[in-house]
């Protein structure tokens, strides 16, 4: 009888430890990092021209005083024209669209992120 109780306690302890291990291994990741390109942005319906859509966004959100303007050039990058922006497109995609750590004033809206993402995925053209 004592042996049955001991076995039940051992089984219960094993189940509890196993459950705790499973639960502690759960965590949240960003879908964009785990599955690049799987976001629900439809680039066939999102305007993504550089001059009309992307550059104005960078001028208003990134090339501002204290960030990526000629006076401060945060991280050594100025974002005012096509060559400056396109040369950093991979880093921009990660920081502004995937990680959402830029701009420092807060993440871009979903529509703004979509414009940048679609422009980059279309080849970051000077259009």
Protein backbone atom coordinates (compact mmCIF):
# COMPACT_ATOMS: atom_id res chain seq x y z
CA UNK A 1 0.00 0.00 0.00
CA UNK A 2 2.79 2.39 0.94
CA UNK A 3 4.54 1.45 -2.28
CA UNK A 4 1.43 2.36 -4.36
CA UNK A 5 1.19 5.76 -2.67
CA UNK A 6 4.90 6.37 -3.28
CA UNK A 7 4.55 5.41 -6.96
CA UNK A 8 1.54 7.74 -7.35
CA UNK A 9 3.48 10.61 -5.76
CA UNK A 10 6.46 9.95 -8.04
CA UNK A 11 4.18 9.85 -11.08
CA UNK A 12 2.47 13.07 -10.02
CA UNK A 13 5.83 14.74 -9.42
CA UNK A 14 7.09 13.59 -12.84
CA UNK A 15 3.96 14.94 -14.55
CA UNK A 16 4.25 18.26 -12.71
CA UNK A 17 7.93 18.68 -13.60
CA UNK A 18 7.27 17.73 -17.21
CA UNK A 19 4.38 20.18 -17.43
CA UNK A 20 6.43 22.95 -15.91
CA UNK A 21 9.18 22.29 -18.42
CA UNK A 22 6.75 22.43 -21.32
CA UNK A 23 5.08 25.59 -20.10
CA UNK A 24 8.34 27.38 -19.45
CA UNK A 25 9.50 26.64 -22.98
CA UNK A 26 6.61 28.61 -24.47
CA UNK A 27 7.46 32.13 -25.60
CA UNK A 28 6.34 34.68 -28.11
CA UNK A 29 8.26 35.51 -31.26
CA UNK A 30 7.55 37.92 -34.05
CA UNK A 31 5.98 36.14 -36.98
CA UNK A 32 7.89 38.36 -39.41
CA UNK A 33 11.22 37.12 -38.04
CA UNK A 34 10.27 33.44 -37.91
CA UNK A 35 8.54 33.43 -41.29
CA UNK A 36 9.90 36.25 -43.48
CA UNK A 37 7.46 37.33 -46.15
CA UNK A 38 4.47 35.73 -44.43
CA UNK A 39 2.88 38.96 -43.29
CA UNK A 40 -0.55 39.71 -44.64
CA UNK A 41 0.52 42.73 -46.68
CA UNK A 42 -0.74 42.44 -50.25
CA UNK A 43 1.85 44.25 -52.32
CA UNK A 44 -0.29 43.99 -55.44
CA UNK A 45 -2.69 46.51 -53.93
CA UNK A 46 -0.23 48.64 -51.93
CA UNK A 47 1.24 51.72 -53.59
CA UNK A 48 5.00 51.55 -53.26
CA UNK A 49 6.62 54.13 -55.52
CA UNK A 50 9.71 55.81 -54.15
CA UNK A 51 8.97 59.45 -55.04
CA UNK A 52 5.26 59.37 -54.23
CA UNK A 53 5.11 56.99 -51.27
CA UNK A 54 8.44 56.09 -49.68
CA UNK A 55 10.51 59.28 -49.81
CA UNK A 56 7.79 61.49 -48.23
CA UNK A 57 7.49 58.94 -45.43
CA UNK A 58 11.23 59.06 -44.77
CA UNK A 59 11.32 62.85 -44.91
CA UNK A 60 8.50 63.14 -42.36
CA UNK A 61 9.41 60.24 -40.03
CA UNK A 62 13.15 59.61 -40.37
CA UNK A 63 15.04 62.61 -41.78
CA UNK A 64 14.00 64.81 -38.87
CA UNK A 65 16.13 66.70 -36.39
CA UNK A 66 17.92 64.31 -34.08
CA UNK A 67 17.60 61.29 -36.36
CA UNK A 68 18.61 60.76 -39.97
CA UNK A 69 19.00 64.37 -41.09
CA UNK A 70 22.27 65.93 -42.30
CA UNK A 71 22.82 67.66 -38.94
CA UNK A 72 22.81 64.58 -36.75
CA UNK A 73 22.90 61.52 -39.05
CA UNK A 74 22.00 58.98 -36.37
CA UNK A 75 24.05 55.86 -36.92
CA UNK A 76 25.89 57.67 -39.67
CA UNK A 77 22.91 57.40 -42.02
CA UNK A 78 21.13 60.28 -43.73
CA UNK A 79 17.75 59.45 -45.27
CA UNK A 80 16.83 62.19 -47.69
CA UNK A 81 17.32 60.85 -51.21
CA UNK A 82 17.05 57.61 -53.14
CA UNK A 83 20.69 56.52 -52.92
CA UNK A 84 20.85 57.15 -49.16
CA UNK A 85 17.64 55.24 -48.46
CA UNK A 86 18.08 52.38 -50.92
CA UNK A 87 21.62 51.68 -49.72
CA UNK A 88 20.23 50.89 -46.25
CA UNK A 89 17.05 49.09 -47.39
CA UNK A 90 17.87 45.77 -45.70
CA UNK A 91 18.54 47.42 -42.35
CA UNK A 92 15.45 49.61 -42.75
CA UNK A 93 13.30 46.54 -43.39
CA UNK A 94 14.53 44.92 -40.19
CA UNK A 95 14.40 47.97 -37.91
CA UNK A 96 11.26 49.74 -39.16
CA UNK A 97 9.10 46.94 -40.55
CA UNK A 98 10.02 43.71 -38.76
CA UNK A 99 11.42 44.71 -35.35
CA UNK A 100 9.40 47.94 -35.26
CA UNK A 101 12.19 49.65 -33.28
CA UNK A 102 12.35 52.64 -35.64
CA UNK A 103 11.49 55.41 -35.63
CA UNK A 104 12.25 55.96 -31.94
CA UNK A 105 9.06 58.01 -31.53
CA UNK A 106 7.05 54.83 -32.08
CA UNK A 107 6.41 52.22 -34.72
CA UNK A 108 5.11 53.12 -38.15
CA UNK A 109 1.45 52.57 -38.90
CA UNK A 110 0.60 49.32 -40.70
CA UNK A 111 0.01 51.31 -43.92
CA UNK A 112 3.41 53.01 -43.63
CA UNK A 113 5.17 49.71 -42.93
CA UNK A 114 3.40 48.14 -45.89
CA UNK A 115 4.64 50.87 -48.23
CA UNK A 116 8.24 50.34 -47.18
CA UNK A 117 7.96 46.54 -47.24
CA UNK A 118 6.35 46.47 -50.69
CA UNK A 119 8.82 48.98 -52.12
CA UNK A 120 11.76 46.90 -50.90
CA UNK A 121 10.23 43.60 -52.06
CA UNK A 122 9.61 45.11 -55.51
CA UNK A 123 13.33 45.78 -55.84
CA UNK A 124 13.61 49.19 -54.12
CA UNK A 125 13.28 50.98 -57.44
CA UNK A 126 13.86 54.68 -58.01
CA UNK A 127 10.35 55.29 -59.31
